[in-house]
PDB file of N, CA and C in Angstrom:
ATOM      1  N   UNK A   1       8.332 -11.579  -8.250  1.00  0.00           N
ATOM      2  CA  UNK A   1       8.495 -12.544  -7.190  1.00  0.00           C
ATOM      3  C   UNK A   1       7.125 -12.850  -6.625  1.00  0.00           C
ATOM      4  N   UNK A   2       6.889 -14.074  -6.270  1.00  0.00           N
ATOM      5  CA  UNK A   2       5.602 -14.481  -5.716  1.00  0.00           C
ATOM      6  C   UNK A   2       5.784 -14.808  -4.243  1.00  0.00           C
ATOM      7  N   UNK A   3       5.237 -13.953  -3.403  1.00  0.00           N
ATOM      8  CA  UNK A   3       5.352 -14.155  -1.960  1.00  0.00           C
ATOM      9  C   UNK A   3       4.187 -14.954  -1.394  1.00  0.00           C
ATOM     10  N   UNK A   4       3.251 -15.347  -2.251  1.00  0.00           N
ATOM     11  CA  UNK A   4       2.096 -16.115  -1.797  1.00  0.00           C
ATOM     12  C   UNK A   4       1.131 -15.304  -0.950  1.00  0.00           C
ATOM     13  N   UNK A   5       1.000 -14.025  -1.250  1.00  0.00           N
ATOM     14  CA  UNK A   5       0.168 -13.131  -0.445  1.00  0.00           C
ATOM     15  C   UNK A   5      -1.165 -12.781  -1.095  1.00  0.00           C
ATOM     16  N   UNK A   6      -1.449 -13.345  -2.240  1.00  0.00           N
ATOM     17  CA  UNK A   6      -2.694 -13.041  -2.939  1.00  0.00           C
ATOM     18  C   UNK A   6      -3.892 -13.355  -2.053  1.00  0.00           C
ATOM     19  N   UNK A   7      -4.786 -12.370  -1.927  1.00  0.00           N
ATOM     20  CA  UNK A   7      -5.989 -12.547  -1.120  1.00  0.00           C
ATOM     21  C   UNK A   7      -5.824 -12.223   0.351  1.00  0.00           C
ATOM     22  N   UNK A   8      -4.624 -11.917   0.783  1.00  0.00           N
ATOM     23  CA  UNK A   8      -4.383 -11.543   2.178  1.00  0.00           C
ATOM     24  C   UNK A   8      -4.669 -10.057   2.356  1.00  0.00           C
ATOM     25  N   UNK A   9      -4.793  -9.631   3.603  1.00  0.00           N
ATOM     26  CA  UNK A   9      -5.010  -8.224   3.930  1.00  0.00           C
ATOM     27  C   UNK A   9      -3.821  -7.745   4.747  1.00  0.00           C
ATOM     28  N   UNK A  10      -3.289  -6.571   4.396  1.00  0.00           N
ATOM     29  CA  UNK A  10      -2.143  -6.013   5.108  1.00  0.00           C
ATOM     30  C   UNK A  10      -2.466  -4.603   5.584  1.00  0.00           C
ATOM     31  N   UNK A  11      -2.062  -4.286   6.799  1.00  0.00           N
ATOM     32  CA  UNK A  11      -2.162  -2.935   7.343  1.00  0.00           C
ATOM     33  C   UNK A  11      -0.751  -2.368   7.384  1.00  0.00           C
ATOM     34  N   UNK A  12      -0.544  -1.258   6.691  1.00  0.00           N
ATOM     35  CA  UNK A  12       0.775  -0.638   6.638  1.00  0.00           C
ATOM     36  C   UNK A  12       0.693   0.733   7.287  1.00  0.00           C
ATOM     37  N   UNK A  13       1.450   0.921   8.353  1.00  0.00           N
ATOM     38  CA  UNK A  13       1.517   2.229   9.001  1.00  0.00           C
ATOM     39  C   UNK A  13       2.711   2.992   8.436  1.00  0.00           C
ATOM     40  N   UNK A  14       2.622   4.294   8.457  1.00  0.00           N
ATOM     41  CA  UNK A  14       3.691   5.115   7.904  1.00  0.00           C
ATOM     42  C   UNK A  14       3.755   5.007   6.386  1.00  0.00           C
ATOM     43  N   UNK A  15       2.602   4.799   5.756  1.00  0.00           N
ATOM     44  CA  UNK A  15       2.564   4.510   4.323  1.00  0.00           C
ATOM     45  C   UNK A  15       2.578   5.748   3.441  1.00  0.00           C
ATOM     46  N   UNK A  16       2.712   6.924   4.007  1.00  0.00           N
ATOM     47  CA  UNK A  16       2.662   8.128   3.183  1.00  0.00           C
ATOM     48  C   UNK A  16       3.954   8.379   2.421  1.00  0.00           C
ATOM     49  N   UNK A  17       5.064   7.799   2.880  1.00  0.00           N
ATOM     50  CA  UNK A  17       6.332   8.005   2.177  1.00  0.00           C
ATOM     51  C   UNK A  17       7.381   7.005   2.653  1.00  0.00           C
ATOM     52  N   UNK A  18       8.478   6.986   1.969  1.00  0.00           N
ATOM     53  CA  UNK A  18       9.614   6.171   2.373  1.00  0.00           C
ATOM     54  C   UNK A  18       9.359   4.673   2.344  1.00  0.00           C
ATOM     55  N   UNK A  19       9.880   4.004   3.372  1.00  0.00           N
ATOM     56  CA  UNK A  19       9.789   2.550   3.447  1.00  0.00           C
ATOM     57  C   UNK A  19       8.338   2.091   3.522  1.00  0.00           C
ATOM     58  N   UNK A  20       7.513   2.776   4.294  1.00  0.00           N
ATOM     59  CA  UNK A  20       6.109   2.390   4.408  1.00  0.00           C
ATOM     60  C   UNK A  20       5.390   2.430   3.075  1.00  0.00           C
ATOM     61  N   UNK A  21       5.668   3.465   2.299  1.00  0.00           N
ATOM     62  CA  UNK A  21       5.048   3.580   0.968  1.00  0.00           C
ATOM     63  C   UNK A  21       5.530   2.457   0.052  1.00  0.00           C
ATOM     64  N   UNK A  22       6.812   2.157   0.111  1.00  0.00           N
ATOM     65  CA  UNK A  22       7.371   1.082  -0.710  1.00  0.00           C
ATOM     66  C   UNK A  22       6.783  -0.270  -0.320  1.00  0.00           C
ATOM     67  N   UNK A  23       6.603  -0.491   0.974  1.00  0.00           N
ATOM     68  CA  UNK A  23       6.011  -1.744   1.442  1.00  0.00           C
ATOM     69  C   UNK A  23       4.571  -1.861   0.953  1.00  0.00           C
ATOM     70  N   UNK A  24       3.798  -0.790   1.084  1.00  0.00           N
ATOM     71  CA  UNK A  24       2.401  -0.808   0.636  1.00  0.00           C
ATOM     72  C   UNK A  24       2.315  -1.090  -0.858  1.00  0.00           C
ATOM     73  N   UNK A  25       3.178  -0.469  -1.630  1.00  0.00           N
ATOM     74  CA  UNK A  25       3.187  -0.663  -3.078  1.00  0.00           C
ATOM     75  C   UNK A  25       3.545  -2.102  -3.436  1.00  0.00           C
ATOM     76  N   UNK A  26       4.539  -2.648  -2.765  1.00  0.00           N
ATOM     77  CA  UNK A  26       4.966  -4.024  -3.030  1.00  0.00           C
ATOM     78  C   UNK A  26       3.891  -5.025  -2.639  1.00  0.00           C
ATOM     79  N   UNK A  27       3.285  -4.829  -1.473  1.00  0.00           N
ATOM     80  CA  UNK A  27       2.230  -5.743  -1.038  1.00  0.00           C
ATOM     81  C   UNK A  27       1.038  -5.705  -1.990  1.00  0.00           C
ATOM     82  N   UNK A  28       0.681  -4.517  -2.443  1.00  0.00           N
ATOM     83  CA  UNK A  28      -0.423  -4.396  -3.398  1.00  0.00           C
ATOM     84  C   UNK A  28      -0.082  -5.107  -4.704  1.00  0.00           C
ATOM     85  N   UNK A  29       1.153  -4.972  -5.146  1.00  0.00           N
ATOM     86  CA  UNK A  29       1.582  -5.638  -6.376  1.00  0.00           C
ATOM     87  C   UNK A  29       1.562  -7.157  -6.227  1.00  0.00           C
ATOM     88  N   UNK A  30       1.715  -7.632  -5.001  1.00  0.00           N
ATOM     89  CA  UNK A  30       1.687  -9.070  -4.722  1.00  0.00           C
ATOM     90  C   UNK A  30       0.272  -9.606  -4.545  1.00  0.00           C
ATOM     91  N   UNK A  31      -0.737  -8.725  -4.633  1.00  0.00           N
ATOM     92  CA  UNK A  31      -2.117  -9.171  -4.565  1.00  0.00           C
ATOM     93  C   UNK A  31      -2.798  -8.987  -3.228  1.00  0.00           C
ATOM     94  N   UNK A  32      -2.154  -8.317  -2.298  1.00  0.00           N
ATOM     95  CA  UNK A  32      -2.770  -8.036  -0.997  1.00  0.00           C
ATOM     96  C   UNK A  32      -3.769  -6.894  -1.118  1.00  0.00           C
ATOM     97  N   UNK A  33      -4.807  -6.954  -0.306  1.00  0.00           N
ATOM     98  CA  UNK A  33      -5.640  -5.783  -0.080  1.00  0.00           C
ATOM     99  C   UNK A  33      -4.884  -4.987   0.977  1.00  0.00           C
ATOM    100  N   UNK A  34      -4.635  -3.724   0.724  1.00  0.00           N
ATOM    101  CA  UNK A  34      -3.771  -2.939   1.597  1.00  0.00           C
ATOM    102  C   UNK A  34      -4.559  -1.824   2.267  1.00  0.00           C
ATOM    103  N   UNK A  35      -4.483  -1.776   3.601  1.00  0.00           N
ATOM    104  CA  UNK A  35      -5.021  -0.660   4.381  1.00  0.00           C
ATOM    105  C   UNK A  35      -3.818   0.177   4.796  1.00  0.00           C
ATOM    106  N   UNK A  36      -3.872   1.474   4.516  1.00  0.00           N
ATOM    107  CA  UNK A  36      -2.727   2.331   4.818  1.00  0.00           C
ATOM    108  C   UNK A  36      -3.120   3.431   5.792  1.00  0.00           C
ATOM    109  N   UNK A  37      -2.175   3.828   6.626  1.00  0.00           N
ATOM    110  CA  UNK A  37      -2.397   4.959   7.523  1.00  0.00           C
ATOM    111  C   UNK A  37      -1.070   5.669   7.752  1.00  0.00           C
ATOM    112  N   UNK A  38      -1.169   6.949   8.085  1.00  0.00           N
ATOM    113  CA  UNK A  38       0.005   7.775   8.341  1.00  0.00           C
ATOM    114  C   UNK A  38      -0.456   9.096   8.936  1.00  0.00           C
ATOM    115  N   UNK A  39       0.495   9.875   9.417  1.00  0.00           N
ATOM    116  CA  UNK A  39       0.162  11.176   9.993  1.00  0.00           C
ATOM    117  C   UNK A  39      -0.045  12.246   8.930  1.00  0.00           C
ATOM    118  N   UNK A  40       0.646  12.141   7.801  1.00  0.00           N
ATOM    119  CA  UNK A  40       0.562  13.160   6.755  1.00  0.00           C
ATOM    120  C   UNK A  40      -0.572  12.891   5.785  1.00  0.00           C
ATOM    121  N   UNK A  41      -1.684  13.590   5.961  1.00  0.00           N
ATOM    122  CA  UNK A  41      -2.884  13.326   5.159  1.00  0.00           C
ATOM    123  C   UNK A  41      -2.662  13.554   3.665  1.00  0.00           C
ATOM    124  N   UNK A  42      -1.959  14.613   3.299  1.00  0.00           N
ATOM    125  CA  UNK A  42      -1.755  14.911   1.879  1.00  0.00           C
ATOM    126  C   UNK A  42      -0.915  13.835   1.202  1.00  0.00           C
ATOM    127  N   UNK A  43       0.199  13.458   1.827  1.00  0.00           N
ATOM    128  CA  UNK A  43       1.053  12.416   1.269  1.00  0.00           C
ATOM    129  C   UNK A  43       0.338  11.070   1.263  1.00  0.00           C
ATOM    130  N   UNK A  44      -0.459  10.820   2.287  1.00  0.00           N
ATOM    131  CA  UNK A  44      -1.202   9.565   2.364  1.00  0.00           C
ATOM    132  C   UNK A  44      -2.218   9.474   1.235  1.00  0.00           C
ATOM    133  N   UNK A  45      -2.897  10.567   0.946  1.00  0.00           N
ATOM    134  CA  UNK A  45      -3.864  10.577  -0.154  1.00  0.00           C
ATOM    135  C   UNK A  45      -3.162  10.342  -1.485  1.00  0.00           C
ATOM    136  N   UNK A  46      -1.966  10.897  -1.642  1.00  0.00           N
ATOM    137  CA  UNK A  46      -1.198  10.672  -2.872  1.00  0.00           C
ATOM    138  C   UNK A  46      -0.831   9.198  -3.013  1.00  0.00           C
ATOM    139  N   UNK A  47      -0.456   8.565  -1.915  1.00  0.00           N
ATOM    140  CA  UNK A  47      -0.145   7.136  -1.940  1.00  0.00           C
ATOM    141  C   UNK A  47      -1.385   6.330  -2.294  1.00  0.00           C
ATOM    142  N   UNK A  48      -2.520   6.664  -1.688  1.00  0.00           N
ATOM    143  CA  UNK A  48      -3.768   5.950  -1.964  1.00  0.00           C
ATOM    144  C   UNK A  48      -4.156   6.093  -3.434  1.00  0.00           C
ATOM    145  N   UNK A  49      -4.008   7.278  -3.977  1.00  0.00           N
ATOM    146  CA  UNK A  49      -4.321   7.514  -5.387  1.00  0.00           C
ATOM    147  C   UNK A  49      -3.417   6.680  -6.285  1.00  0.00           C
ATOM    148  N   UNK A  50      -2.142   6.635  -5.947  1.00  0.00           N
ATOM    149  CA  UNK A  50      -1.183   5.843  -6.719  1.00  0.00           C
ATOM    150  C   UNK A  50      -1.539   4.352  -6.672  1.00  0.00           C
ATOM    151  N   UNK A  51      -1.900   3.869  -5.498  1.00  0.00           N
ATOM    152  CA  UNK A  51      -2.262   2.456  -5.357  1.00  0.00           C
ATOM    153  C   UNK A  51      -3.533   2.133  -6.140  1.00  0.00           C
ATOM    154  N   UNK A  52      -4.523   3.011  -6.055  1.00  0.00           N
ATOM    155  CA  UNK A  52      -5.777   2.791  -6.793  1.00  0.00           C
ATOM    156  C   UNK A  52      -5.538   2.759  -8.298  1.00  0.00           C
ATOM    157  N   UNK A  53      -4.614   3.592  -8.769  1.00  0.00           N
ATOM    158  CA  UNK A  53      -4.313   3.652 -10.200  1.00  0.00           C
ATOM    159  C   UNK A  53      -3.734   2.338 -10.718  1.00  0.00           C
ATOM    160  N   UNK A  54      -3.119   1.569  -9.825  1.00  0.00           N
ATOM    161  CA  UNK A  54      -2.555   0.277 -10.222  1.00  0.00           C
ATOM    162  C   UNK A  54      -3.562  -0.853 -10.069  1.00  0.00           C
ATOM    163  N   UNK A  55      -4.767  -0.517  -9.595  1.00  0.00           N
ATOM    164  CA  UNK A  55      -5.802  -1.529  -9.421  1.00  0.00           C
ATOM    165  C   UNK A  55      -5.823  -2.156  -8.046  1.00  0.00           C
ATOM    166  N   UNK A  56      -5.057  -1.604  -7.123  1.00  0.00           N
ATOM    167  CA  UNK A  56      -5.005  -2.148  -5.763  1.00  0.00           C
ATOM    168  C   UNK A  56      -6.309  -1.879  -5.022  1.00  0.00           C
ATOM    169  N   UNK A  57      -6.569  -2.725  -4.024  1.00  0.00           N
ATOM    170  CA  UNK A  57      -7.750  -2.533  -3.181  1.00  0.00           C
ATOM    171  C   UNK A  57      -7.330  -2.294  -1.754  1.00  0.00           C
TER     172      UNK A  57
END
């Protein structure tokens, strides 16, 4: 699906798991540069690693 978000920047809070992680992944797949934050540092790093592996910025 094309949401027309290519080149946009998104800030996703609660991105370490659940809905926040799914939103960050979807936005990155749509071409957004994604900034993520959450309270759980370990889970957040895992999300960041996963996003980087897909070529997300």
